[in-house]
ModelCIF file with pLDDT and N, C-alpha, C, O atoms, coordinates in Angstrom:
data_MODEL
#
_entry.id   MODEL 
#
_entity.id                         1 
_entity.type                       polymer 
_entity.pdbx_number_of_molecules   1 
#
_entity_poly.entity_id                      1 
_entity_poly.type                           'polypeptide(L)' 
_entity_poly.nstd_linkage                   no 
_entity_poly.nstd_monomer                   no 
_entity_poly.pdbx_seq_one_letter_code       
;(UNK)(UNK)(UNK)(UNK)(UNK)(UNK)(UNK)(UNK)(UNK)(UNK)(UNK)(UNK)(UNK)(UNK)(UNK)(UNK)
(UNK)(UNK)(UNK)(UNK)(UNK)(UNK)(UNK)(UNK)(UNK)(UNK)(UNK)(UNK)(UNK)(UNK)(UNK)(UNK)
(UNK)(UNK)(UNK)(UNK)(UNK)(UNK)(UNK)(UNK)(UNK)(UNK)(UNK)(UNK)(UNK)(UNK)
;
_entity_poly.pdbx_seq_one_letter_code_can   XXXXXXXXXXXXXXXXXXXXXXXXXXXXXXXXXXXXXXXXXXXXXX 
_entity_poly.pdbx_strand_id                 A 
#
loop_
_entity_poly_seq.entity_id 
_entity_poly_seq.num 
_entity_poly_seq.mon_id 
_entity_poly_seq.hetero 
1 1  UNK n 
1 2  UNK n 
1 3  UNK n 
1 4  UNK n 
1 5  UNK n 
1 6  UNK n 
1 7  UNK n 
1 8  UNK n 
1 9  UNK n 
1 10 UNK n 
1 11 UNK n 
1 12 UNK n 
1 13 UNK n 
1 14 UNK n 
1 15 UNK n 
1 16 UNK n 
1 17 UNK n 
1 18 UNK n 
1 19 UNK n 
1 20 UNK n 
1 21 UNK n 
1 22 UNK n 
1 23 UNK n 
1 24 UNK n 
1 25 UNK n 
1 26 UNK n 
1 27 UNK n 
1 28 UNK n 
1 29 UNK n 
1 30 UNK n 
1 31 UNK n 
1 32 UNK n 
1 33 UNK n 
1 34 UNK n 
1 35 UNK n 
1 36 UNK n 
1 37 UNK n 
1 38 UNK n 
1 39 UNK n 
1 40 UNK n 
1 41 UNK n 
1 42 UNK n 
1 43 UNK n 
1 44 UNK n 
1 45 UNK n 
1 46 UNK n 
#
_struct_asym.id          A 
_struct_asym.entity_id   1 
#
loop_
_ma_qa_metric.id 
_ma_qa_metric.mode 
_ma_qa_metric.name 
_ma_qa_metric.software_group_id 
_ma_qa_metric.type 
1 global pLDDT . pLDDT 
2 local  pLDDT . pLDDT 
#
_ma_qa_metric_global.metric_id      1 
_ma_qa_metric_global.metric_value   90.96 
_ma_qa_metric_global.model_id       1 
_ma_qa_metric_global.ordinal_id     1 
#
loop_
_ma_qa_metric_local.label_asym_id 
_ma_qa_metric_local.label_comp_id 
_ma_qa_metric_local.label_seq_id 
_ma_qa_metric_local.metric_id 
_ma_qa_metric_local.metric_value 
_ma_qa_metric_local.model_id 
_ma_qa_metric_local.ordinal_id 
A UNK 1  2 97.00 1 1  
A UNK 2  2 97.00 1 2  
A UNK 3  2 96.00 1 3  
A UNK 4  2 97.00 1 4  
A UNK 5  2 97.00 1 5  
A UNK 6  2 96.00 1 6  
A UNK 7  2 96.00 1 7  
A UNK 8  2 97.00 1 8  
A UNK 9  2 95.00 1 9  
A UNK 10 2 95.00 1 10 
A UNK 11 2 95.00 1 11 
A UNK 12 2 95.00 1 12 
A UNK 13 2 93.00 1 13 
A UNK 14 2 92.00 1 14 
A UNK 15 2 89.00 1 15 
A UNK 16 2 87.00 1 16 
A UNK 17 2 81.00 1 17 
A UNK 18 2 81.00 1 18 
A UNK 19 2 86.00 1 19 
A UNK 20 2 88.00 1 20 
A UNK 21 2 89.00 1 21 
A UNK 22 2 88.00 1 22 
A UNK 23 2 89.00 1 23 
A UNK 24 2 88.00 1 24 
A UNK 25 2 87.00 1 25 
A UNK 26 2 84.00 1 26 
A UNK 27 2 85.00 1 27 
A UNK 28 2 89.00 1 28 
A UNK 29 2 86.00 1 29 
A UNK 30 2 85.00 1 30 
A UNK 31 2 86.00 1 31 
A UNK 32 2 86.00 1 32 
A UNK 33 2 84.00 1 33 
A UNK 34 2 87.00 1 34 
A UNK 35 2 90.00 1 35 
A UNK 36 2 91.00 1 36 
A UNK 37 2 90.00 1 37 
A UNK 38 2 91.00 1 38 
A UNK 39 2 92.00 1 39 
A UNK 40 2 94.00 1 40 
A UNK 41 2 93.00 1 41 
A UNK 42 2 95.00 1 42 
A UNK 43 2 95.00 1 43 
A UNK 44 2 96.00 1 44 
A UNK 45 2 97.00 1 45 
A UNK 46 2 97.00 1 46 
#
loop_
_atom_site.group_PDB 
_atom_site.id 
_atom_site.type_symbol 
_atom_site.label_atom_id 
_atom_site.label_alt_id 
_atom_site.label_comp_id 
_atom_site.label_asym_id 
_atom_site.label_entity_id 
_atom_site.label_seq_id 
_atom_site.pdbx_PDB_ins_code 
_atom_site.Cartn_x 
_atom_site.Cartn_y 
_atom_site.Cartn_z 
_atom_site.occupancy 
_atom_site.B_iso_or_equiv 
_atom_site.pdbx_formal_charge 
_atom_site.auth_seq_id 
_atom_site.auth_comp_id 
_atom_site.auth_asym_id 
_atom_site.auth_atom_id 
_atom_site.pdbx_PDB_model_num 
ATOM 1   N N  . UNK A 1 1  ? -5.775  8.385  -17.848 1.00 97.00 ? 1  UNK A N  1 
ATOM 2   C CA . UNK A 1 1  ? -5.362  8.518  -16.542 1.00 97.00 ? 1  UNK A CA 1 
ATOM 3   C C  . UNK A 1 1  ? -4.755  7.229  -15.997 1.00 97.00 ? 1  UNK A C  1 
ATOM 4   O O  . UNK A 1 1  ? -3.938  7.331  -15.082 1.00 97.00 ? 1  UNK A O  1 
ATOM 5   N N  . UNK A 1 2  ? -5.075  6.040  -16.469 1.00 97.00 ? 2  UNK A N  1 
ATOM 6   C CA . UNK A 1 2  ? -4.609  4.828  -15.910 1.00 97.00 ? 2  UNK A CA 1 
ATOM 7   C C  . UNK A 1 2  ? -3.159  4.692  -15.917 1.00 97.00 ? 2  UNK A C  1 
ATOM 8   O O  . UNK A 1 2  ? -2.639  4.342  -14.858 1.00 97.00 ? 2  UNK A O  1 
ATOM 9   N N  . UNK A 1 3  ? -2.423  4.908  -16.922 1.00 96.00 ? 3  UNK A N  1 
ATOM 10  C CA . UNK A 1 3  ? -1.200  4.627  -16.972 1.00 96.00 ? 3  UNK A CA 1 
ATOM 11  C C  . UNK A 1 3  ? -0.244  5.473  -15.995 1.00 96.00 ? 3  UNK A C  1 
ATOM 12  O O  . UNK A 1 3  ? 0.754   5.013  -15.441 1.00 96.00 ? 3  UNK A O  1 
ATOM 13  N N  . UNK A 1 4  ? -0.739  6.834  -15.877 1.00 97.00 ? 4  UNK A N  1 
ATOM 14  C CA . UNK A 1 4  ? -0.065  7.546  -14.901 1.00 97.00 ? 4  UNK A CA 1 
ATOM 15  C C  . UNK A 1 4  ? -0.481  7.051  -13.396 1.00 97.00 ? 4  UNK A C  1 
ATOM 16  O O  . UNK A 1 4  ? 0.398   7.101  -12.535 1.00 97.00 ? 4  UNK A O  1 
ATOM 17  N N  . UNK A 1 5  ? -1.578  6.650  -13.098 1.00 97.00 ? 5  UNK A N  1 
ATOM 18  C CA . UNK A 1 5  ? -1.994  6.244  -11.737 1.00 97.00 ? 5  UNK A CA 1 
ATOM 19  C C  . UNK A 1 5  ? -1.323  4.827  -11.581 1.00 97.00 ? 5  UNK A C  1 
ATOM 20  O O  . UNK A 1 5  ? -0.872  4.534  -10.474 1.00 97.00 ? 5  UNK A O  1 
ATOM 21  N N  . UNK A 1 6  ? -1.244  4.078  -12.449 1.00 96.00 ? 6  UNK A N  1 
ATOM 22  C CA . UNK A 1 6  ? -0.729  2.623  -12.315 1.00 96.00 ? 6  UNK A CA 1 
ATOM 23  C C  . UNK A 1 6  ? 0.794   2.773  -12.094 1.00 96.00 ? 6  UNK A C  1 
ATOM 24  O O  . UNK A 1 6  ? 1.347   2.087  -11.235 1.00 96.00 ? 6  UNK A O  1 
ATOM 25  N N  . UNK A 1 7  ? 1.471   3.642  -12.840 1.00 96.00 ? 7  UNK A N  1 
ATOM 26  C CA . UNK A 1 7  ? 2.895   3.908  -12.686 1.00 96.00 ? 7  UNK A CA 1 
ATOM 27  C C  . UNK A 1 7  ? 3.307   4.268  -11.291 1.00 96.00 ? 7  UNK A C  1 
ATOM 28  O O  . UNK A 1 7  ? 4.260   3.742  -10.714 1.00 96.00 ? 7  UNK A O  1 
ATOM 29  N N  . UNK A 1 8  ? 2.480   5.260  -10.747 1.00 97.00 ? 8  UNK A N  1 
ATOM 30  C CA . UNK A 1 8  ? 2.749   5.653  -9.331  1.00 97.00 ? 8  UNK A CA 1 
ATOM 31  C C  . UNK A 1 8  ? 2.444   4.572  -8.436  1.00 97.00 ? 8  UNK A C  1 
ATOM 32  O O  . UNK A 1 8  ? 3.213   4.457  -7.481  1.00 97.00 ? 8  UNK A O  1 
ATOM 33  N N  . UNK A 1 9  ? 1.526   3.780  -8.524  1.00 95.00 ? 9  UNK A N  1 
ATOM 34  C CA . UNK A 1 9  ? 1.146   2.681  -7.680  1.00 95.00 ? 9  UNK A CA 1 
ATOM 35  C C  . UNK A 1 9  ? 2.280   1.769  -7.649  1.00 95.00 ? 9  UNK A C  1 
ATOM 36  O O  . UNK A 1 9  ? 2.771   1.402  -6.581  1.00 95.00 ? 9  UNK A O  1 
ATOM 37  N N  . UNK A 1 10 ? 2.728   1.377  -8.827  1.00 95.00 ? 10 UNK A N  1 
ATOM 38  C CA . UNK A 1 10 ? 3.744   0.305  -8.892  1.00 95.00 ? 10 UNK A CA 1 
ATOM 39  C C  . UNK A 1 10 ? 5.175   0.885  -8.328  1.00 95.00 ? 10 UNK A C  1 
ATOM 40  O O  . UNK A 1 10 ? 6.003   0.129  -7.822  1.00 95.00 ? 10 UNK A O  1 
ATOM 41  N N  . UNK A 1 11 ? 5.351   2.077  -8.444  1.00 95.00 ? 11 UNK A N  1 
ATOM 42  C CA . UNK A 1 11 ? 6.552   2.718  -7.851  1.00 95.00 ? 11 UNK A CA 1 
ATOM 43  C C  . UNK A 1 11 ? 6.538   2.623  -6.290  1.00 95.00 ? 11 UNK A C  1 
ATOM 44  O O  . UNK A 1 11 ? 7.546   2.410  -5.617  1.00 95.00 ? 11 UNK A O  1 
ATOM 45  N N  . UNK A 1 12 ? 5.417   2.785  -5.849  1.00 95.00 ? 12 UNK A N  1 
ATOM 46  C CA . UNK A 1 12 ? 5.101   2.797  -4.276  1.00 95.00 ? 12 UNK A CA 1 
ATOM 47  C C  . UNK A 1 12 ? 5.210   1.230  -3.799  1.00 95.00 ? 12 UNK A C  1 
ATOM 48  O O  . UNK A 1 12 ? 5.823   0.865  -2.796  1.00 95.00 ? 12 UNK A O  1 
ATOM 49  N N  . UNK A 1 13 ? 4.563   0.443  -4.628  1.00 93.00 ? 13 UNK A N  1 
ATOM 50  C CA . UNK A 1 13 ? 4.605   -0.996 -4.296  1.00 93.00 ? 13 UNK A CA 1 
ATOM 51  C C  . UNK A 1 13 ? 6.047   -1.687 -4.338  1.00 93.00 ? 13 UNK A C  1 
ATOM 52  O O  . UNK A 1 13 ? 6.314   -2.683 -3.667  1.00 93.00 ? 13 UNK A O  1 
ATOM 53  N N  . UNK A 1 14 ? 6.873   -1.106 -5.125  1.00 92.00 ? 14 UNK A N  1 
ATOM 54  C CA . UNK A 1 14 ? 8.274   -1.606 -5.207  1.00 92.00 ? 14 UNK A CA 1 
ATOM 55  C C  . UNK A 1 14 ? 9.009   -1.186 -3.959  1.00 92.00 ? 14 UNK A C  1 
ATOM 56  O O  . UNK A 1 14 ? 10.146  -1.628 -3.795  1.00 92.00 ? 14 UNK A O  1 
ATOM 57  N N  . UNK A 1 15 ? 8.440   -0.320 -3.000  1.00 89.00 ? 15 UNK A N  1 
ATOM 58  C CA . UNK A 1 15 ? 9.286   0.084  -1.759  1.00 89.00 ? 15 UNK A CA 1 
ATOM 59  C C  . UNK A 1 15 ? 8.498   -0.428 -0.550  1.00 89.00 ? 15 UNK A C  1 
ATOM 60  O O  . UNK A 1 15 ? 8.789   0.088  0.529   1.00 89.00 ? 15 UNK A O  1 
ATOM 61  N N  . UNK A 1 16 ? 7.606   -1.305 -0.568  1.00 87.00 ? 16 UNK A N  1 
ATOM 62  C CA . UNK A 1 16 ? 7.028   -1.816 0.535   1.00 87.00 ? 16 UNK A CA 1 
ATOM 63  C C  . UNK A 1 16 ? 7.457   -3.148 0.998   1.00 87.00 ? 16 UNK A C  1 
ATOM 64  O O  . UNK A 1 16 ? 7.080   -3.500 2.115   1.00 87.00 ? 16 UNK A O  1 
ATOM 65  N N  . UNK A 1 17 ? 8.152   -3.894 0.334   1.00 81.00 ? 17 UNK A N  1 
ATOM 66  C CA . UNK A 1 17 ? 8.617   -5.201 0.685   1.00 81.00 ? 17 UNK A CA 1 
ATOM 67  C C  . UNK A 1 17 ? 9.500   -5.096 1.899   1.00 81.00 ? 17 UNK A C  1 
ATOM 68  O O  . UNK A 1 17 ? 10.429  -4.290 1.945   1.00 81.00 ? 17 UNK A O  1 
ATOM 69  N N  . UNK A 1 18 ? 9.224   -5.851 2.802   1.00 81.00 ? 18 UNK A N  1 
ATOM 70  C CA . UNK A 1 18 ? 10.108  -5.920 4.018   1.00 81.00 ? 18 UNK A CA 1 
ATOM 71  C C  . UNK A 1 18 ? 10.047  -4.998 5.043   1.00 81.00 ? 18 UNK A C  1 
ATOM 72  O O  . UNK A 1 18 ? 10.710  -5.121 6.073   1.00 81.00 ? 18 UNK A O  1 
ATOM 73  N N  . UNK A 1 19 ? 9.095   -3.842 4.768   1.00 86.00 ? 19 UNK A N  1 
ATOM 74  C CA . UNK A 1 19 ? 8.897   -2.833 5.636   1.00 86.00 ? 19 UNK A CA 1 
ATOM 75  C C  . UNK A 1 19 ? 8.135   -3.184 6.958   1.00 86.00 ? 19 UNK A C  1 
ATOM 76  O O  . UNK A 1 19 ? 7.290   -4.079 6.937   1.00 86.00 ? 19 UNK A O  1 
ATOM 77  N N  . UNK A 1 20 ? 8.392   -2.556 8.012   1.00 88.00 ? 20 UNK A N  1 
ATOM 78  C CA . UNK A 1 20 ? 7.752   -2.775 9.236   1.00 88.00 ? 20 UNK A CA 1 
ATOM 79  C C  . UNK A 1 20 ? 6.711   -1.761 9.528   1.00 88.00 ? 20 UNK A C  1 
ATOM 80  O O  . UNK A 1 20 ? 7.067   -0.614 9.800   1.00 88.00 ? 20 UNK A O  1 
ATOM 81  N N  . UNK A 1 21 ? 5.428   -2.088 9.496   1.00 89.00 ? 21 UNK A N  1 
ATOM 82  C CA . UNK A 1 21 ? 4.443   -1.107 9.417   1.00 89.00 ? 21 UNK A CA 1 
ATOM 83  C C  . UNK A 1 21 ? 3.606   -1.134 10.826  1.00 89.00 ? 21 UNK A C  1 
ATOM 84  O O  . UNK A 1 21 ? 2.513   -0.580 10.947  1.00 89.00 ? 21 UNK A O  1 
ATOM 85  N N  . UNK A 1 22 ? 4.226   -1.812 11.813  1.00 88.00 ? 22 UNK A N  1 
ATOM 86  C CA . UNK A 1 22 ? 3.635   -1.890 13.042  1.00 88.00 ? 22 UNK A CA 1 
ATOM 87  C C  . UNK A 1 22 ? 3.272   -0.564 13.798  1.00 88.00 ? 22 UNK A C  1 
ATOM 88  O O  . UNK A 1 22 ? 2.386   -0.484 14.649  1.00 88.00 ? 22 UNK A O  1 
ATOM 89  N N  . UNK A 1 23 ? 4.077   0.467  13.375  1.00 89.00 ? 23 UNK A N  1 
ATOM 90  C CA . UNK A 1 23 ? 3.714   1.789  14.072  1.00 89.00 ? 23 UNK A CA 1 
ATOM 91  C C  . UNK A 1 23 ? 2.387   2.218  13.568  1.00 89.00 ? 23 UNK A C  1 
ATOM 92  O O  . UNK A 1 23 ? 1.673   2.855  14.343  1.00 89.00 ? 23 UNK A O  1 
ATOM 93  N N  . UNK A 1 24 ? 1.933   1.938  12.293  1.00 88.00 ? 24 UNK A N  1 
ATOM 94  C CA . UNK A 1 24 ? 0.653   2.198  12.006  1.00 88.00 ? 24 UNK A CA 1 
ATOM 95  C C  . UNK A 1 24 ? -0.529  1.538  12.690  1.00 88.00 ? 24 UNK A C  1 
ATOM 96  O O  . UNK A 1 24 ? -1.668  2.007  12.684  1.00 88.00 ? 24 UNK A O  1 
ATOM 97  N N  . UNK A 1 25 ? -0.176  0.453  13.257  1.00 87.00 ? 25 UNK A N  1 
ATOM 98  C CA . UNK A 1 25 ? -1.025  -0.414 13.830  1.00 87.00 ? 25 UNK A CA 1 
ATOM 99  C C  . UNK A 1 25 ? -1.532  0.038  15.272  1.00 87.00 ? 25 UNK A C  1 
ATOM 100 O O  . UNK A 1 25 ? -2.650  -0.226 15.713  1.00 87.00 ? 25 UNK A O  1 
ATOM 101 N N  . UNK A 1 26 ? -0.585  0.728  15.914  1.00 84.00 ? 26 UNK A N  1 
ATOM 102 C CA . UNK A 1 26 ? -0.675  1.092  17.360  1.00 84.00 ? 26 UNK A CA 1 
ATOM 103 C C  . UNK A 1 26 ? -2.053  1.893  17.604  1.00 84.00 ? 26 UNK A C  1 
ATOM 104 O O  . UNK A 1 26 ? -2.736  1.663  18.602  1.00 84.00 ? 26 UNK A O  1 
ATOM 105 N N  . UNK A 1 27 ? -2.403  2.808  16.676  1.00 85.00 ? 27 UNK A N  1 
ATOM 106 C CA . UNK A 1 27 ? -3.581  3.599  16.803  1.00 85.00 ? 27 UNK A CA 1 
ATOM 107 C C  . UNK A 1 27 ? -4.714  3.112  15.782  1.00 85.00 ? 27 UNK A C  1 
ATOM 108 O O  . UNK A 1 27 ? -5.787  3.707  15.684  1.00 85.00 ? 27 UNK A O  1 
ATOM 109 N N  . UNK A 1 28 ? -4.432  2.135  15.133  1.00 89.00 ? 28 UNK A N  1 
ATOM 110 C CA . UNK A 1 28 ? -5.493  1.567  14.281  1.00 89.00 ? 28 UNK A CA 1 
ATOM 111 C C  . UNK A 1 28 ? -5.243  0.084  14.162  1.00 89.00 ? 28 UNK A C  1 
ATOM 112 O O  . UNK A 1 28 ? -4.771  -0.363 13.117  1.00 89.00 ? 28 UNK A O  1 
ATOM 113 N N  . UNK A 1 29 ? -5.551  -0.744 15.236  1.00 86.00 ? 29 UNK A N  1 
ATOM 114 C CA . UNK A 1 29 ? -5.286  -2.173 15.260  1.00 86.00 ? 29 UNK A CA 1 
ATOM 115 C C  . UNK A 1 29 ? -5.925  -2.941 14.206  1.00 86.00 ? 29 UNK A C  1 
ATOM 116 O O  . UNK A 1 29 ? -5.539  -4.096 14.030  1.00 86.00 ? 29 UNK A O  1 
ATOM 117 N N  . UNK A 1 30 ? -6.921  -2.423 13.423  1.00 85.00 ? 30 UNK A N  1 
ATOM 118 C CA . UNK A 1 30 ? -7.360  -3.184 12.196  1.00 85.00 ? 30 UNK A CA 1 
ATOM 119 C C  . UNK A 1 30 ? -6.384  -3.363 11.201  1.00 85.00 ? 30 UNK A C  1 
ATOM 120 O O  . UNK A 1 30 ? -6.517  -4.291 10.404  1.00 85.00 ? 30 UNK A O  1 
ATOM 121 N N  . UNK A 1 31 ? -5.419  -2.601 11.136  1.00 86.00 ? 31 UNK A N  1 
ATOM 122 C CA . UNK A 1 31 ? -4.334  -2.536 10.235  1.00 86.00 ? 31 UNK A CA 1 
ATOM 123 C C  . UNK A 1 31 ? -3.249  -3.757 10.344  1.00 86.00 ? 31 UNK A C  1 
ATOM 124 O O  . UNK A 1 31 ? -2.394  -3.956 9.481   1.00 86.00 ? 31 UNK A O  1 
ATOM 125 N N  . UNK A 1 32 ? -3.405  -4.545 11.527  1.00 86.00 ? 32 UNK A N  1 
ATOM 126 C CA . UNK A 1 32 ? -2.476  -5.735 11.865  1.00 86.00 ? 32 UNK A CA 1 
ATOM 127 C C  . UNK A 1 32 ? -2.604  -6.653 10.793  1.00 86.00 ? 32 UNK A C  1 
ATOM 128 O O  . UNK A 1 32 ? -3.729  -7.041 10.479  1.00 86.00 ? 32 UNK A O  1 
ATOM 129 N N  . UNK A 1 33 ? -1.556  -7.067 10.165  1.00 84.00 ? 33 UNK A N  1 
ATOM 130 C CA . UNK A 1 33 ? -1.403  -8.165 9.083   1.00 84.00 ? 33 UNK A CA 1 
ATOM 131 C C  . UNK A 1 33 ? -2.146  -7.696 7.817   1.00 84.00 ? 33 UNK A C  1 
ATOM 132 O O  . UNK A 1 33 ? -2.625  -8.478 6.996   1.00 84.00 ? 33 UNK A O  1 
ATOM 133 N N  . UNK A 1 34 ? -2.205  -6.229 7.719   1.00 87.00 ? 34 UNK A N  1 
ATOM 134 C CA . UNK A 1 34 ? -2.955  -5.702 6.388   1.00 87.00 ? 34 UNK A CA 1 
ATOM 135 C C  . UNK A 1 34 ? -2.201  -6.015 5.171   1.00 87.00 ? 34 UNK A C  1 
ATOM 136 O O  . UNK A 1 34 ? -0.971  -6.075 5.171   1.00 87.00 ? 34 UNK A O  1 
ATOM 137 N N  . UNK A 1 35 ? -2.975  -6.228 4.063   1.00 90.00 ? 35 UNK A N  1 
ATOM 138 C CA . UNK A 1 35 ? -2.322  -6.514 2.839   1.00 90.00 ? 35 UNK A CA 1 
ATOM 139 C C  . UNK A 1 35 ? -1.981  -5.137 2.024   1.00 90.00 ? 35 UNK A C  1 
ATOM 140 O O  . UNK A 1 35 ? -2.759  -4.668 1.192   1.00 90.00 ? 35 UNK A O  1 
ATOM 141 N N  . UNK A 1 36 ? -0.799  -4.581 2.342   1.00 91.00 ? 36 UNK A N  1 
ATOM 142 C CA . UNK A 1 36 ? -0.592  -3.285 1.880   1.00 91.00 ? 36 UNK A CA 1 
ATOM 143 C C  . UNK A 1 36 ? -0.344  -3.323 0.252   1.00 91.00 ? 36 UNK A C  1 
ATOM 144 O O  . UNK A 1 36 ? -0.692  -2.375 -0.452  1.00 91.00 ? 36 UNK A O  1 
ATOM 145 N N  . UNK A 1 37 ? 0.213   -4.358 -0.221  1.00 90.00 ? 37 UNK A N  1 
ATOM 146 C CA . UNK A 1 37 ? 0.368   -4.491 -1.571  1.00 90.00 ? 37 UNK A CA 1 
ATOM 147 C C  . UNK A 1 37 ? -0.867  -4.404 -2.433  1.00 90.00 ? 37 UNK A C  1 
ATOM 148 O O  . UNK A 1 37 ? -0.987  -3.810 -3.505  1.00 90.00 ? 37 UNK A O  1 
ATOM 149 N N  . UNK A 1 38 ? -1.846  -5.171 -1.705  1.00 91.00 ? 38 UNK A N  1 
ATOM 150 C CA . UNK A 1 38 ? -3.115  -5.231 -2.501  1.00 91.00 ? 38 UNK A CA 1 
ATOM 151 C C  . UNK A 1 38 ? -3.832  -3.731 -2.437  1.00 91.00 ? 38 UNK A C  1 
ATOM 152 O O  . UNK A 1 38 ? -4.487  -3.248 -3.361  1.00 91.00 ? 38 UNK A O  1 
ATOM 153 N N  . UNK A 1 39 ? -3.607  -3.180 -1.323  1.00 92.00 ? 39 UNK A N  1 
ATOM 154 C CA . UNK A 1 39 ? -4.230  -1.803 -1.039  1.00 92.00 ? 39 UNK A CA 1 
ATOM 155 C C  . UNK A 1 39 ? -3.694  -0.827 -2.058  1.00 92.00 ? 39 UNK A C  1 
ATOM 156 O O  . UNK A 1 39 ? -4.438  -0.033 -2.634  1.00 92.00 ? 39 UNK A O  1 
ATOM 157 N N  . UNK A 1 40 ? -2.406  -0.894 -2.272  1.00 94.00 ? 40 UNK A N  1 
ATOM 158 C CA . UNK A 1 40 ? -1.799  0.122  -3.150  1.00 94.00 ? 40 UNK A CA 1 
ATOM 159 C C  . UNK A 1 40 ? -2.087  -0.260 -4.656  1.00 94.00 ? 40 UNK A C  1 
ATOM 160 O O  . UNK A 1 40 ? -2.252  0.630  -5.491  1.00 94.00 ? 40 UNK A O  1 
ATOM 161 N N  . UNK A 1 41 ? -2.143  -1.522 -4.970  1.00 93.00 ? 41 UNK A N  1 
ATOM 162 C CA . UNK A 1 41 ? -2.497  -1.930 -6.331  1.00 93.00 ? 41 UNK A CA 1 
ATOM 163 C C  . UNK A 1 41 ? -3.901  -1.480 -6.644  1.00 93.00 ? 41 UNK A C  1 
ATOM 164 O O  . UNK A 1 41 ? -4.136  -0.960 -7.735  1.00 93.00 ? 41 UNK A O  1 
ATOM 165 N N  . UNK A 1 42 ? -4.856  -1.655 -5.735  1.00 95.00 ? 42 UNK A N  1 
ATOM 166 C CA . UNK A 1 42 ? -6.336  -1.387 -6.011  1.00 95.00 ? 42 UNK A CA 1 
ATOM 167 C C  . UNK A 1 42 ? -6.449  0.173  -5.881  1.00 95.00 ? 42 UNK A C  1 
ATOM 168 O O  . UNK A 1 42 ? -7.508  0.683  -6.248  1.00 95.00 ? 42 UNK A O  1 
ATOM 169 N N  . UNK A 1 43 ? -5.519  0.920  -5.423  1.00 95.00 ? 43 UNK A N  1 
ATOM 170 C CA . UNK A 1 43 ? -5.601  2.442  -5.129  1.00 95.00 ? 43 UNK A CA 1 
ATOM 171 C C  . UNK A 1 43 ? -5.826  3.032  -6.562  1.00 95.00 ? 43 UNK A C  1 
ATOM 172 O O  . UNK A 1 43 ? -6.431  4.101  -6.643  1.00 95.00 ? 43 UNK A O  1 
ATOM 173 N N  . UNK A 1 44 ? -5.396  2.433  -7.658  1.00 96.00 ? 44 UNK A N  1 
ATOM 174 C CA . UNK A 1 44 ? -5.597  2.973  -8.948  1.00 96.00 ? 44 UNK A CA 1 
ATOM 175 C C  . UNK A 1 44 ? -7.038  3.334  -9.293  1.00 96.00 ? 44 UNK A C  1 
ATOM 176 O O  . UNK A 1 44 ? -7.336  4.314  -9.976  1.00 96.00 ? 44 UNK A O  1 
ATOM 177 N N  . UNK A 1 45 ? -7.928  2.453  -8.762  1.00 97.00 ? 45 UNK A N  1 
ATOM 178 C CA . UNK A 1 45 ? -9.336  2.575  -8.865  1.00 97.00 ? 45 UNK A CA 1 
ATOM 179 C C  . UNK A 1 45 ? -9.811  3.914  -8.460  1.00 97.00 ? 45 UNK A C  1 
ATOM 180 O O  . UNK A 1 45 ? -10.586 4.558  -9.166  1.00 97.00 ? 45 UNK A O  1 
ATOM 181 N N  . UNK A 1 46 ? -9.344  4.346  -7.308  1.00 97.00 ? 46 UNK A N  1 
ATOM 182 C CA . UNK A 1 46 ? -9.596  5.808  -6.764  1.00 97.00 ? 46 UNK A CA 1 
ATOM 183 C C  . UNK A 1 46 ? -8.811  6.903  -7.506  1.00 97.00 ? 46 UNK A C  1 
ATOM 184 O O  . UNK A 1 46 ? -8.927  8.081  -7.170  1.00 97.00 ? 46 UNK A O  1 
#
């Protein structure tokens, strides 16, 4: 399973640089300054 999960995670990580995610923070302020790259990378565990 890992190769498939890791490939999907890497594909998503390649698209997050420079994106403005403040719209996600409006209703969940804990996401301010969130490390999305780390979140996506670790998502393979799940």
